[in-house]
PDB file of N, CA and C in Angstrom:
ATOM      1  N   UNK A   1      63.307 132.674 103.569  1.00  0.00           N
ATOM      2  CA  UNK A   1      64.025 133.189 104.726  1.00  0.00           C
ATOM      3  C   UNK A   1      64.568 134.596 104.496  1.00  0.00           C
ATOM      4  N   UNK A   2      64.758 135.000 103.248  1.00  0.00           N
ATOM      5  CA  UNK A   2      65.386 136.295 102.981  1.00  0.00           C
ATOM      6  C   UNK A   2      64.712 137.451 103.728  1.00  0.00           C
ATOM      7  N   UNK A   3      63.378 137.561 103.730  1.00  0.00           N
ATOM      8  CA  UNK A   3      62.761 138.674 104.461  1.00  0.00           C
ATOM      9  C   UNK A   3      62.875 138.539 105.986  1.00  0.00           C
ATOM     10  N   UNK A   4      63.104 137.326 106.463  1.00  0.00           N
ATOM     11  CA  UNK A   4      63.175 137.096 107.910  1.00  0.00           C
ATOM     12  C   UNK A   4      64.583 137.346 108.447  1.00  0.00           C
ATOM     13  N   UNK A   5      65.593 137.187 107.609  1.00  0.00           N
ATOM     14  CA  UNK A   5      66.981 137.351 108.065  1.00  0.00           C
ATOM     15  C   UNK A   5      67.242 138.688 108.743  1.00  0.00           C
ATOM     16  N   UNK A   6      66.766 139.821 108.197  1.00  0.00           N
ATOM     17  CA  UNK A   6      67.011 141.097 108.895  1.00  0.00           C
ATOM     18  C   UNK A   6      66.390 141.127 110.294  1.00  0.00           C
ATOM     19  N   UNK A   7      65.246 140.498 110.456  1.00  0.00           N
ATOM     20  CA  UNK A   7      64.621 140.441 111.781  1.00  0.00           C
ATOM     21  C   UNK A   7      65.481 139.641 112.749  1.00  0.00           C
ATOM     22  N   UNK A   8      66.024 138.537 112.254  1.00  0.00           N
ATOM     23  CA  UNK A   8      66.878 137.712 113.110  1.00  0.00           C
ATOM     24  C   UNK A   8      68.172 138.449 113.454  1.00  0.00           C
ATOM     25  N   UNK A   9      68.754 139.121 112.463  1.00  0.00           N
ATOM     26  CA  UNK A   9      69.979 139.895 112.729  1.00  0.00           C
ATOM     27  C   UNK A   9      69.713 140.991 113.757  1.00  0.00           C
ATOM     28  N   UNK A  10      68.590 141.657 113.629  1.00  0.00           N
ATOM     29  CA  UNK A  10      68.246 142.723 114.576  1.00  0.00           C
ATOM     30  C   UNK A  10      68.087 142.166 115.993  1.00  0.00           C
ATOM     31  N   UNK A  11      67.639 140.923 116.088  1.00  0.00           N
ATOM     32  CA  UNK A  11      67.481 140.273 117.397  1.00  0.00           C
ATOM     33  C   UNK A  11      68.770 139.574 117.836  1.00  0.00           C
ATOM     34  N   UNK A  12      69.825 139.689 117.022  1.00  0.00           N
ATOM     35  CA  UNK A  12      71.128 139.093 117.313  1.00  0.00           C
ATOM     36  C   UNK A  12      71.093 137.563 117.292  1.00  0.00           C
ATOM     37  N   UNK A  13      70.402 137.011 116.286  1.00  0.00           N
ATOM     38  CA  UNK A  13      70.343 135.563 116.093  1.00  0.00           C
ATOM     39  C   UNK A  13      70.811 135.203 114.699  1.00  0.00           C
ATOM     40  N   UNK A  14      71.484 134.052 114.599  1.00  0.00           N
ATOM     41  CA  UNK A  14      71.708 133.451 113.294  1.00  0.00           C
ATOM     42  C   UNK A  14      70.487 132.587 112.985  1.00  0.00           C
ATOM     43  N   UNK A  15      70.358 132.182 111.739  1.00  0.00           N
ATOM     44  CA  UNK A  15      69.236 131.296 111.390  1.00  0.00           C
ATOM     45  C   UNK A  15      69.304 130.002 112.188  1.00  0.00           C
ATOM     46  N   UNK A  16      70.515 129.473 112.363  1.00  0.00           N
ATOM     47  CA  UNK A  16      70.670 128.216 113.077  1.00  0.00           C
ATOM     48  C   UNK A  16      70.325 128.365 114.554  1.00  0.00           C
ATOM     49  N   UNK A  17      70.735 129.478 115.158  1.00  0.00           N
ATOM     50  CA  UNK A  17      70.369 129.722 116.557  1.00  0.00           C
ATOM     51  C   UNK A  17      68.854 129.815 116.697  1.00  0.00           C
ATOM     52  N   UNK A  18      68.237 130.508 115.757  1.00  0.00           N
ATOM     53  CA  UNK A  18      66.788 130.658 115.762  1.00  0.00           C
ATOM     54  C   UNK A  18      66.106 129.285 115.677  1.00  0.00           C
ATOM     55  N   UNK A  19      66.610 128.425 114.787  1.00  0.00           N
ATOM     56  CA  UNK A  19      66.017 127.089 114.641  1.00  0.00           C
ATOM     57  C   UNK A  19      66.128 126.294 115.934  1.00  0.00           C
ATOM     58  N   UNK A  20      67.288 126.360 116.580  1.00  0.00           N
ATOM     59  CA  UNK A  20      67.476 125.638 117.839  1.00  0.00           C
ATOM     60  C   UNK A  20      66.498 126.158 118.892  1.00  0.00           C
ATOM     61  N   UNK A  21      66.389 127.472 119.022  1.00  0.00           N
ATOM     62  CA  UNK A  21      65.459 128.033 120.010  1.00  0.00           C
ATOM     63  C   UNK A  21      64.011 127.684 119.676  1.00  0.00           C
ATOM     64  N   UNK A  22      63.649 127.714 118.391  1.00  0.00           N
ATOM     65  CA  UNK A  22      62.272 127.374 118.000  1.00  0.00           C
ATOM     66  C   UNK A  22      61.957 125.921 118.329  1.00  0.00           C
ATOM     67  N   UNK A  23      62.895 125.033 118.055  1.00  0.00           N
ATOM     68  CA  UNK A  23      62.673 123.614 118.359  1.00  0.00           C
ATOM     69  C   UNK A  23      62.481 123.428 119.856  1.00  0.00           C
ATOM     70  N   UNK A  24      63.327 124.065 120.662  1.00  0.00           N
ATOM     71  CA  UNK A  24      63.179 123.954 122.113  1.00  0.00           C
ATOM     72  C   UNK A  24      61.881 124.595 122.587  1.00  0.00           C
ATOM     73  N   UNK A  25      61.513 125.705 121.987  1.00  0.00           N
ATOM     74  CA  UNK A  25      60.275 126.389 122.356  1.00  0.00           C
ATOM     75  C   UNK A  25      59.058 125.524 122.040  1.00  0.00           C
ATOM     76  N   UNK A  26      59.089 124.879 120.878  1.00  0.00           N
ATOM     77  CA  UNK A  26      57.945 124.076 120.447  1.00  0.00           C
ATOM     78  C   UNK A  26      57.951 122.664 121.029  1.00  0.00           C
ATOM     79  N   UNK A  27      59.160 122.110 121.286  1.00  0.00           N
ATOM     80  CA  UNK A  27      59.245 120.699 121.655  1.00  0.00           C
ATOM     81  C   UNK A  27      59.630 120.414 123.080  1.00  0.00           C
ATOM     82  N   UNK A  28      59.961 121.437 123.840  1.00  0.00           N
ATOM     83  CA  UNK A  28      60.336 121.207 125.219  1.00  0.00           C
ATOM     84  C   UNK A  28      61.763 120.706 125.359  1.00  0.00           C
ATOM     85  N   UNK A  29      62.143 120.304 126.557  1.00  0.00           N
ATOM     86  CA  UNK A  29      63.513 119.851 126.799  1.00  0.00           C
ATOM     87  C   UNK A  29      63.858 118.641 125.930  1.00  0.00           C
ATOM     88  N   UNK A  30      65.077 118.661 125.382  1.00  0.00           N
ATOM     89  CA  UNK A  30      65.531 117.584 124.503  1.00  0.00           C
ATOM     90  C   UNK A  30      67.000 117.280 124.756  1.00  0.00           C
ATOM     91  N   UNK A  31      67.395 116.046 124.446  1.00  0.00           N
ATOM     92  CA  UNK A  31      68.823 115.754 124.448  1.00  0.00           C
ATOM     93  C   UNK A  31      69.424 116.362 123.186  1.00  0.00           C
ATOM     94  N   UNK A  32      70.729 116.523 123.163  1.00  0.00           N
ATOM     95  CA  UNK A  32      71.394 117.241 122.085  1.00  0.00           C
ATOM     96  C   UNK A  32      71.183 116.544 120.740  1.00  0.00           C
ATOM     97  N   UNK A  33      71.252 115.214 120.710  1.00  0.00           N
ATOM     98  CA  UNK A  33      71.076 114.482 119.448  1.00  0.00           C
ATOM     99  C   UNK A  33      69.677 114.693 118.877  1.00  0.00           C
ATOM    100  N   UNK A  34      68.659 114.624 119.719  1.00  0.00           N
ATOM    101  CA  UNK A  34      67.285 114.847 119.256  1.00  0.00           C
ATOM    102  C   UNK A  34      67.091 116.281 118.796  1.00  0.00           C
ATOM    103  N   UNK A  35      67.694 117.208 119.519  1.00  0.00           N
ATOM    104  CA  UNK A  35      67.613 118.618 119.147  1.00  0.00           C
ATOM    105  C   UNK A  35      68.243 118.845 117.775  1.00  0.00           C
ATOM    106  N   UNK A  36      69.420 118.261 117.547  1.00  0.00           N
ATOM    107  CA  UNK A  36      70.102 118.402 116.256  1.00  0.00           C
ATOM    108  C   UNK A  36      69.237 117.832 115.133  1.00  0.00           C
ATOM    109  N   UNK A  37      68.643 116.681 115.379  1.00  0.00           N
ATOM    110  CA  UNK A  37      67.795 116.057 114.351  1.00  0.00           C
ATOM    111  C   UNK A  37      66.585 116.925 114.035  1.00  0.00           C
ATOM    112  N   UNK A  38      65.910 117.405 115.048  1.00  0.00           N
ATOM    113  CA  UNK A  38      64.709 118.217 114.823  1.00  0.00           C
ATOM    114  C   UNK A  38      65.022 119.576 114.197  1.00  0.00           C
ATOM    115  N   UNK A  39      66.182 120.132 114.538  1.00  0.00           N
ATOM    116  CA  UNK A  39      66.578 121.425 113.967  1.00  0.00           C
ATOM    117  C   UNK A  39      67.251 121.247 112.608  1.00  0.00           C
ATOM    118  N   UNK A  40      67.455 119.991 112.217  1.00  0.00           N
ATOM    119  CA  UNK A  40      68.112 119.653 110.950  1.00  0.00           C
ATOM    120  C   UNK A  40      69.500 120.281 110.861  1.00  0.00           C
ATOM    121  N   UNK A  41      70.277 120.084 111.928  1.00  0.00           N
ATOM    122  CA  UNK A  41      71.645 120.579 112.006  1.00  0.00           C
ATOM    123  C   UNK A  41      72.569 119.447 112.450  1.00  0.00           C
ATOM    124  N   UNK A  42      73.845 119.572 112.145  1.00  0.00           N
ATOM    125  CA  UNK A  42      74.827 118.590 112.592  1.00  0.00           C
ATOM    126  C   UNK A  42      75.058 118.742 114.091  1.00  0.00           C
ATOM    127  N   UNK A  43      75.291 117.620 114.754  1.00  0.00           N
ATOM    128  CA  UNK A  43      75.518 117.622 116.197  1.00  0.00           C
ATOM    129  C   UNK A  43      76.587 118.591 116.659  1.00  0.00           C
ATOM    130  N   UNK A  44      77.789 118.595 116.031  1.00  0.00           N
ATOM    131  CA  UNK A  44      78.821 119.532 116.473  1.00  0.00           C
ATOM    132  C   UNK A  44      78.388 121.002 116.333  1.00  0.00           C
ATOM    133  N   UNK A  45      77.604 121.299 115.312  1.00  0.00           N
ATOM    134  CA  UNK A  45      77.101 122.670 115.151  1.00  0.00           C
ATOM    135  C   UNK A  45      76.161 123.025 116.291  1.00  0.00           C
ATOM    136  N   UNK A  46      75.302 122.082 116.662  1.00  0.00           N
ATOM    137  CA  UNK A  46      74.355 122.330 117.754  1.00  0.00           C
ATOM    138  C   UNK A  46      75.103 122.531 119.062  1.00  0.00           C
ATOM    139  N   UNK A  47      76.155 121.761 119.277  1.00  0.00           N
ATOM    140  CA  UNK A  47      76.958 121.923 120.490  1.00  0.00           C
ATOM    141  C   UNK A  47      77.526 123.337 120.567  1.00  0.00           C
ATOM    142  N   UNK A  48      78.075 123.835 119.457  1.00  0.00           N
ATOM    143  CA  UNK A  48      78.625 125.199 119.415  1.00  0.00           C
ATOM    144  C   UNK A  48      77.518 126.239 119.635  1.00  0.00           C
ATOM    145  N   UNK A  49      76.380 126.034 118.963  1.00  0.00           N
ATOM    146  CA  UNK A  49      75.247 126.960 119.085  1.00  0.00           C
ATOM    147  C   UNK A  49      74.745 127.001 120.527  1.00  0.00           C
ATOM    148  N   UNK A  50      74.656 125.832 121.158  1.00  0.00           N
ATOM    149  CA  UNK A  50      74.171 125.779 122.538  1.00  0.00           C
ATOM    150  C   UNK A  50      75.117 126.492 123.492  1.00  0.00           C
ATOM    151  N   UNK A  51      76.419 126.432 123.229  1.00  0.00           N
ATOM    152  CA  UNK A  51      77.359 127.168 124.077  1.00  0.00           C
ATOM    153  C   UNK A  51      77.080 128.662 123.967  1.00  0.00           C
ATOM    154  N   UNK A  52      76.909 129.153 122.732  1.00  0.00           N
ATOM    155  CA  UNK A  52      76.637 130.582 122.527  1.00  0.00           C
ATOM    156  C   UNK A  52      75.315 130.980 123.185  1.00  0.00           C
ATOM    157  N   UNK A  53      74.276 130.181 122.971  1.00  0.00           N
ATOM    158  CA  UNK A  53      72.967 130.512 123.542  1.00  0.00           C
ATOM    159  C   UNK A  53      72.986 130.407 125.061  1.00  0.00           C
ATOM    160  N   UNK A  54      73.718 129.430 125.575  1.00  0.00           N
ATOM    161  CA  UNK A  54      73.854 129.287 127.027  1.00  0.00           C
ATOM    162  C   UNK A  54      74.589 130.468 127.639  1.00  0.00           C
ATOM    163  N   UNK A  55      75.658 130.923 126.953  1.00  0.00           N
ATOM    164  CA  UNK A  55      76.404 132.093 127.443  1.00  0.00           C
ATOM    165  C   UNK A  55      75.517 133.330 127.497  1.00  0.00           C
ATOM    166  N   UNK A  56      74.527 133.392 126.622  1.00  0.00           N
ATOM    167  CA  UNK A  56      73.595 134.532 126.596  1.00  0.00           C
ATOM    168  C   UNK A  56      72.398 134.319 127.528  1.00  0.00           C
ATOM    169  N   UNK A  57      72.361 133.182 128.206  1.00  0.00           N
ATOM    170  CA  UNK A  57      71.274 132.906 129.144  1.00  0.00           C
ATOM    171  C   UNK A  57      69.967 132.510 128.480  1.00  0.00           C
ATOM    172  N   UNK A  58      70.026 132.048 127.223  1.00  0.00           N
ATOM    173  CA  UNK A  58      68.808 131.712 126.481  1.00  0.00           C
ATOM    174  C   UNK A  58      68.470 130.221 126.533  1.00  0.00           C
ATOM    175  N   UNK A  59      69.471 129.397 126.863  1.00  0.00           N
ATOM    176  CA  UNK A  59      69.241 127.963 127.048  1.00  0.00           C
ATOM    177  C   UNK A  59      69.940 127.527 128.320  1.00  0.00           C
ATOM    178  N   UNK A  60      69.513 126.389 128.838  1.00  0.00           N
ATOM    179  CA  UNK A  60      70.135 125.811 130.031  1.00  0.00           C
ATOM    180  C   UNK A  60      70.283 124.313 129.803  1.00  0.00           C
ATOM    181  N   UNK A  61      71.353 123.760 130.341  1.00  0.00           N
ATOM    182  CA  UNK A  61      71.622 122.320 130.244  1.00  0.00           C
ATOM    183  C   UNK A  61      71.649 121.711 131.635  1.00  0.00           C
ATOM    184  N   UNK A  62      71.217 120.464 131.678  1.00  0.00           N
ATOM    185  CA  UNK A  62      71.422 119.687 132.898  1.00  0.00           C
ATOM    186  C   UNK A  62      71.652 118.244 132.487  1.00  0.00           C
ATOM    187  N   UNK A  63      72.262 117.483 133.359  1.00  0.00           N
ATOM    188  CA  UNK A  63      72.519 116.088 133.050  1.00  0.00           C
ATOM    189  C   UNK A  63      71.223 115.302 133.103  1.00  0.00           C
ATOM    190  N   UNK A  64      71.089 114.362 132.187  1.00  0.00           N
ATOM    191  CA  UNK A  64      69.930 113.473 132.159  1.00  0.00           C
ATOM    192  C   UNK A  64      69.982 112.602 133.409  1.00  0.00           C
ATOM    193  N   UNK A  65      68.915 112.586 134.165  1.00  0.00           N
ATOM    194  CA  UNK A  65      68.877 111.808 135.403  1.00  0.00           C
ATOM    195  C   UNK A  65      68.987 110.310 135.137  1.00  0.00           C
ATOM    196  N   UNK A  66      68.466 109.876 133.991  1.00  0.00           N
ATOM    197  CA  UNK A  66      68.507 108.446 133.658  1.00  0.00           C
ATOM    198  C   UNK A  66      69.856 108.019 133.084  1.00  0.00           C
ATOM    199  N   UNK A  67      70.543 108.931 132.402  1.00  0.00           N
ATOM    200  CA  UNK A  67      71.828 108.623 131.769  1.00  0.00           C
ATOM    201  C   UNK A  67      72.722 109.844 131.939  1.00  0.00           C
ATOM    202  N   UNK A  68      73.574 109.820 132.927  1.00  0.00           N
ATOM    203  CA  UNK A  68      74.384 110.988 133.296  1.00  0.00           C
ATOM    204  C   UNK A  68      75.395 111.371 132.215  1.00  0.00           C
ATOM    205  N   UNK A  69      75.516 110.574 131.145  1.00  0.00           N
ATOM    206  CA  UNK A  69      76.415 110.926 130.045  1.00  0.00           C
ATOM    207  C   UNK A  69      75.748 111.894 129.076  1.00  0.00           C
ATOM    208  N   UNK A  70      74.432 111.985 129.132  1.00  0.00           N
ATOM    209  CA  UNK A  70      73.683 112.846 128.202  1.00  0.00           C
ATOM    210  C   UNK A  70      73.294 114.149 128.880  1.00  0.00           C
ATOM    211  N   UNK A  71      73.206 115.181 128.057  1.00  0.00           N
ATOM    212  CA  UNK A  71      72.707 116.481 128.524  1.00  0.00           C
ATOM    213  C   UNK A  71      71.300 116.690 127.998  1.00  0.00           C
ATOM    214  N   UNK A  72      70.482 117.295 128.813  1.00  0.00           N
ATOM    215  CA  UNK A  72      69.144 117.712 128.398  1.00  0.00           C
ATOM    216  C   UNK A  72      69.168 119.239 128.340  1.00  0.00           C
ATOM    217  N   UNK A  73      68.678 119.756 127.229  1.00  0.00           N
ATOM    218  CA  UNK A  73      68.710 121.203 126.990  1.00  0.00           C
ATOM    219  C   UNK A  73      67.281 121.729 126.993  1.00  0.00           C
ATOM    220  N   UNK A  74      67.105 122.897 127.565  1.00  0.00           N
ATOM    221  CA  UNK A  74      65.795 123.547 127.567  1.00  0.00           C
ATOM    222  C   UNK A  74      65.982 125.037 127.323  1.00  0.00           C
ATOM    223  N   UNK A  75      64.931 125.655 126.872  1.00  0.00           N
ATOM    224  CA  UNK A  75      64.934 127.100 126.675  1.00  0.00           C
ATOM    225  C   UNK A  75      64.638 127.760 128.021  1.00  0.00           C
ATOM    226  N   UNK A  76      65.296 128.858 128.288  1.00  0.00           N
ATOM    227  CA  UNK A  76      65.074 129.591 129.543  1.00  0.00           C
ATOM    228  C   UNK A  76      63.951 130.613 129.337  1.00  0.00           C
ATOM    229  N   UNK A  77      63.462 131.198 130.415  1.00  0.00           N
ATOM    230  CA  UNK A  77      62.463 132.264 130.243  1.00  0.00           C
ATOM    231  C   UNK A  77      62.974 133.407 129.361  1.00  0.00           C
ATOM    232  N   UNK A  78      64.254 133.750 129.479  1.00  0.00           N
ATOM    233  CA  UNK A  78      64.810 134.808 128.620  1.00  0.00           C
ATOM    234  C   UNK A  78      64.811 134.364 127.159  1.00  0.00           C
ATOM    235  N   UNK A  79      65.102 133.092 126.912  1.00  0.00           N
ATOM    236  CA  UNK A  79      65.066 132.565 125.548  1.00  0.00           C
ATOM    237  C   UNK A  79      63.660 132.574 124.989  1.00  0.00           C
ATOM    238  N   UNK A  80      62.701 132.190 125.817  1.00  0.00           N
ATOM    239  CA  UNK A  80      61.298 132.191 125.380  1.00  0.00           C
ATOM    240  C   UNK A  80      60.831 133.611 125.068  1.00  0.00           C
ATOM    241  N   UNK A  81      61.252 134.569 125.893  1.00  0.00           N
ATOM    242  CA  UNK A  81      60.884 135.966 125.649  1.00  0.00           C
ATOM    243  C   UNK A  81      61.466 136.450 124.315  1.00  0.00           C
ATOM    244  N   UNK A  82      62.722 136.087 124.053  1.00  0.00           N
ATOM    245  CA  UNK A  82      63.358 136.482 122.787  1.00  0.00           C
ATOM    246  C   UNK A  82      62.637 135.857 121.598  1.00  0.00           C
ATOM    247  N   UNK A  83      62.246 134.599 121.731  1.00  0.00           N
ATOM    248  CA  UNK A  83      61.507 133.914 120.656  1.00  0.00           C
ATOM    249  C   UNK A  83      60.161 134.592 120.447  1.00  0.00           C
ATOM    250  N   UNK A  84      59.458 134.864 121.518  1.00  0.00           N
ATOM    251  CA  UNK A  84      58.125 135.479 121.393  1.00  0.00           C
ATOM    252  C   UNK A  84      58.203 136.846 120.721  1.00  0.00           C
ATOM    253  N   UNK A  85      59.194 137.650 121.109  1.00  0.00           N
ATOM    254  CA  UNK A  85      59.333 138.988 120.509  1.00  0.00           C
ATOM    255  C   UNK A  85      59.629 138.898 119.017  1.00  0.00           C
ATOM    256  N   UNK A  86      60.561 138.023 118.651  1.00  0.00           N
ATOM    257  CA  UNK A  86      60.952 137.897 117.253  1.00  0.00           C
ATOM    258  C   UNK A  86      59.861 137.201 116.450  1.00  0.00           C
ATOM    259  N   UNK A  87      59.216 136.214 117.035  1.00  0.00           N
ATOM    260  CA  UNK A  87      58.167 135.469 116.328  1.00  0.00           C
ATOM    261  C   UNK A  87      56.986 136.365 115.971  1.00  0.00           C
ATOM    262  N   UNK A  88      56.703 137.344 116.793  1.00  0.00           N
ATOM    263  CA  UNK A  88      55.590 138.252 116.487  1.00  0.00           C
ATOM    264  C   UNK A  88      55.802 138.923 115.128  1.00  0.00           C
ATOM    265  N   UNK A  89      57.049 139.257 114.821  1.00  0.00           N
ATOM    266  CA  UNK A  89      57.360 139.885 113.532  1.00  0.00           C
ATOM    267  C   UNK A  89      57.358 138.864 112.393  1.00  0.00           C
ATOM    268  N   UNK A  90      57.882 137.675 112.664  1.00  0.00           N
ATOM    269  CA  UNK A  90      57.945 136.673 111.594  1.00  0.00           C
ATOM    270  C   UNK A  90      56.560 136.156 111.226  1.00  0.00           C
ATOM    271  N   UNK A  91      55.654 136.112 112.189  1.00  0.00           N
ATOM    272  CA  UNK A  91      54.279 135.671 111.904  1.00  0.00           C
ATOM    273  C   UNK A  91      53.627 136.592 110.877  1.00  0.00           C
ATOM    274  N   UNK A  92      53.884 137.885 110.988  1.00  0.00           N
ATOM    275  CA  UNK A  92      53.332 138.826 110.008  1.00  0.00           C
ATOM    276  C   UNK A  92      53.828 138.503 108.598  1.00  0.00           C
ATOM    277  N   UNK A  93      55.105 138.209 108.482  1.00  0.00           N
ATOM    278  CA  UNK A  93      55.655 137.852 107.172  1.00  0.00           C
ATOM    279  C   UNK A  93      55.069 136.541 106.650  1.00  0.00           C
ATOM    280  N   UNK A  94      54.959 135.573 107.505  1.00  0.00           N
ATOM    281  CA  UNK A  94      54.414 134.273 107.086  1.00  0.00           C
ATOM    282  C   UNK A  94      52.961 134.434 106.649  1.00  0.00           C
ATOM    283  N   UNK A  95      52.220 135.260 107.343  1.00  0.00           N
ATOM    284  CA  UNK A  95      50.832 135.518 106.927  1.00  0.00           C
ATOM    285  C   UNK A  95      50.784 136.151 105.542  1.00  0.00           C
ATOM    286  N   UNK A  96      51.753 136.995 105.247  1.00  0.00           N
ATOM    287  CA  UNK A  96      51.823 137.578 103.899  1.00  0.00           C
ATOM    288  C   UNK A  96      52.122 136.498 102.861  1.00  0.00           C
ATOM    289  N   UNK A  97      52.993 135.559 103.211  1.00  0.00           N
ATOM    290  CA  UNK A  97      53.275 134.439 102.305  1.00  0.00           C
ATOM    291  C   UNK A  97      52.000 133.668 102.009  1.00  0.00           C
ATOM    292  N   UNK A  98      51.226 133.402 103.054  1.00  0.00           N
ATOM    293  CA  UNK A  98      49.970 132.654 102.890  1.00  0.00           C
ATOM    294  C   UNK A  98      49.027 133.424 101.976  1.00  0.00           C
ATOM    295  N   UNK A  99      48.910 134.722 102.192  1.00  0.00           N
ATOM    296  CA  UNK A  99      48.041 135.542 101.338  1.00  0.00           C
ATOM    297  C   UNK A  99      48.513 135.534  99.883  1.00  0.00           C
ATOM    298  N   UNK A 100      49.810 135.626  99.677  1.00  0.00           N
ATOM    299  CA  UNK A 100      50.349 135.704  98.320  1.00  0.00           C
ATOM    300  C   UNK A 100      50.279 134.366  97.585  1.00  0.00           C
ATOM    301  N   UNK A 101      50.495 133.267  98.283  1.00  0.00           N
ATOM    302  CA  UNK A 101      50.597 131.964  97.637  1.00  0.00           C
ATOM    303  C   UNK A 101      49.327 131.132  97.788  1.00  0.00           C
ATOM    304  N   UNK A 102      48.560 131.392  98.839  1.00  0.00           N
ATOM    305  CA  UNK A 102      47.345 130.626  99.117  1.00  0.00           C
ATOM    306  C   UNK A 102      47.609 129.542 100.144  1.00  0.00           C
ATOM    307  N   UNK A 103      46.716 129.431 101.111  1.00  0.00           N
ATOM    308  CA  UNK A 103      46.887 128.465 102.208  1.00  0.00           C
ATOM    309  C   UNK A 103      46.949 127.031 101.695  1.00  0.00           C
ATOM    310  N   UNK A 104      46.039 126.665 100.788  1.00  0.00           N
ATOM    311  CA  UNK A 104      46.022 125.285 100.288  1.00  0.00           C
ATOM    312  C   UNK A 104      47.302 124.959  99.525  1.00  0.00           C
ATOM    313  N   UNK A 105      47.757 125.881  98.691  1.00  0.00           N
ATOM    314  CA  UNK A 105      48.980 125.646  97.931  1.00  0.00           C
ATOM    315  C   UNK A 105      50.191 125.548  98.859  1.00  0.00           C
ATOM    316  N   UNK A 106      50.242 126.425  99.873  1.00  0.00           N
ATOM    317  CA  UNK A 106      51.356 126.387 100.806  1.00  0.00           C
ATOM    318  C   UNK A 106      51.351 125.085 101.601  1.00  0.00           C
ATOM    319  N   UNK A 107      50.184 124.645 102.033  1.00  0.00           N
ATOM    320  CA  UNK A 107      50.079 123.381 102.758  1.00  0.00           C
ATOM    321  C   UNK A 107      50.535 122.220 101.875  1.00  0.00           C
ATOM    322  N   UNK A 108      50.103 122.220 100.621  1.00  0.00           N
ATOM    323  CA  UNK A 108      50.509 121.169  99.686  1.00  0.00           C
ATOM    324  C   UNK A 108      52.025 121.193  99.472  1.00  0.00           C
ATOM    325  N   UNK A 109      52.588 122.386  99.343  1.00  0.00           N
ATOM    326  CA  UNK A 109      54.034 122.516  99.161  1.00  0.00           C
ATOM    327  C   UNK A 109      54.778 121.961 100.372  1.00  0.00           C
ATOM    328  N   UNK A 110      54.349 122.322 101.562  1.00  0.00           N
ATOM    329  CA  UNK A 110      55.008 121.835 102.772  1.00  0.00           C
ATOM    330  C   UNK A 110      54.893 120.319 102.893  1.00  0.00           C
ATOM    331  N   UNK A 111      53.732 119.776 102.522  1.00  0.00           N
ATOM    332  CA  UNK A 111      53.556 118.315 102.525  1.00  0.00           C
ATOM    333  C   UNK A 111      54.516 117.651 101.551  1.00  0.00           C
ATOM    334  N   UNK A 112      54.654 118.233 100.374  1.00  0.00           N
ATOM    335  CA  UNK A 112      55.570 117.687  99.362  1.00  0.00           C
ATOM    336  C   UNK A 112      57.019 117.787  99.825  1.00  0.00           C
ATOM    337  N   UNK A 113      57.392 118.888 100.451  1.00  0.00           N
ATOM    338  CA  UNK A 113      58.756 119.032 100.952  1.00  0.00           C
ATOM    339  C   UNK A 113      59.048 118.019 102.056  1.00  0.00           C
ATOM    340  N   UNK A 114      58.074 117.766 102.908  1.00  0.00           N
ATOM    341  CA  UNK A 114      58.251 116.748 103.945  1.00  0.00           C
ATOM    342  C   UNK A 114      58.420 115.367 103.313  1.00  0.00           C
ATOM    343  N   UNK A 115      57.626 115.066 102.296  1.00  0.00           N
ATOM    344  CA  UNK A 115      57.749 113.786 101.593  1.00  0.00           C
ATOM    345  C   UNK A 115      59.101 113.683 100.897  1.00  0.00           C
ATOM    346  N   UNK A 116      59.554 114.785 100.313  1.00  0.00           N
ATOM    347  CA  UNK A 116      60.858 114.826  99.651  1.00  0.00           C
ATOM    348  C   UNK A 116      61.972 114.538 100.659  1.00  0.00           C
ATOM    349  N   UNK A 117      61.900 115.187 101.805  1.00  0.00           N
ATOM    350  CA  UNK A 117      62.904 114.972 102.849  1.00  0.00           C
ATOM    351  C   UNK A 117      62.902 113.511 103.293  1.00  0.00           C
ATOM    352  N   UNK A 118      61.737 112.948 103.465  1.00  0.00           N
ATOM    353  CA  UNK A 118      61.629 111.544 103.880  1.00  0.00           C
ATOM    354  C   UNK A 118      62.202 110.613 102.814  1.00  0.00           C
ATOM    355  N   UNK A 119      61.920 110.911 101.540  1.00  0.00           N
ATOM    356  CA  UNK A 119      62.424 110.080 100.448  1.00  0.00           C
ATOM    357  C   UNK A 119      63.947 110.130 100.359  1.00  0.00           C
ATOM    358  N   UNK A 120      64.538 111.270 100.705  1.00  0.00           N
ATOM    359  CA  UNK A 120      65.995 111.419 100.640  1.00  0.00           C
ATOM    360  C   UNK A 120      66.713 110.946 101.892  1.00  0.00           C
ATOM    361  N   UNK A 121      65.995 110.679 102.963  1.00  0.00           N
ATOM    362  CA  UNK A 121      66.609 110.297 104.224  1.00  0.00           C
ATOM    363  C   UNK A 121      67.566 109.119 104.094  1.00  0.00           C
ATOM    364  N   UNK A 122      67.251 108.097 103.302  1.00  0.00           N
ATOM    365  CA  UNK A 122      68.196 106.977 103.206  1.00  0.00           C
ATOM    366  C   UNK A 122      69.555 107.361 102.598  1.00  0.00           C
ATOM    367  N   UNK A 123      69.623 108.480 101.909  1.00  0.00           N
ATOM    368  CA  UNK A 123      70.868 108.899 101.288  1.00  0.00           C
ATOM    369  C   UNK A 123      71.719 109.776 102.203  1.00  0.00           C
ATOM    370  N   UNK A 124      71.177 110.194 103.323  1.00  0.00           N
ATOM    371  CA  UNK A 124      71.900 111.064 104.248  1.00  0.00           C
ATOM    372  C   UNK A 124      72.978 110.265 104.973  1.00  0.00           C
ATOM    373  N   UNK A 125      74.103 110.910 105.268  1.00  0.00           N
ATOM    374  CA  UNK A 125      75.141 110.213 106.041  1.00  0.00           C
ATOM    375  C   UNK A 125      74.621 109.891 107.434  1.00  0.00           C
ATOM    376  N   UNK A 126      75.177 108.875 108.014  1.00  0.00           N
ATOM    377  CA  UNK A 126      74.771 108.488 109.357  1.00  0.00           C
ATOM    378  C   UNK A 126      75.017 109.626 110.342  1.00  0.00           C
ATOM    379  N   UNK A 127      74.164 109.730 111.344  1.00  0.00           N
ATOM    380  CA  UNK A 127      74.317 110.773 112.369  1.00  0.00           C
ATOM    381  C   UNK A 127      75.641 110.577 113.088  1.00  0.00           C
ATOM    382  N   UNK A 128      76.235 111.703 113.466  1.00  0.00           N
ATOM    383  CA  UNK A 128      77.542 111.653 114.146  1.00  0.00           C
ATOM    384  C   UNK A 128      77.369 111.322 115.592  1.00  0.00           C
TER     385      UNK A 128
END
């Protein structure tokens, strides 16, 4: 992440805000709990992040039609534009990582990290 942080700062994003926007960009509208899980962030942090992103017009919330106690969050066109602009720069860096480390090795590493995360899941505190 170190080489990507300056790009995010220049775009006025924290890493956590970026993760939330990327999850919404890739996964579509989500309830807050699912969004927190996919972004690997605590629920209260996501709530704070969504307020900031909503104030900037990058996300929008609406009540779940099936359960009016839940909110469904989606990325707005302005949020998608911000992601697309910033992602264009990060893709270049990621491609350099692939060139430096090798696609097969990087894929194997990501597979191992996913397995590691899954193996540690039983030790994580219960979701809030």
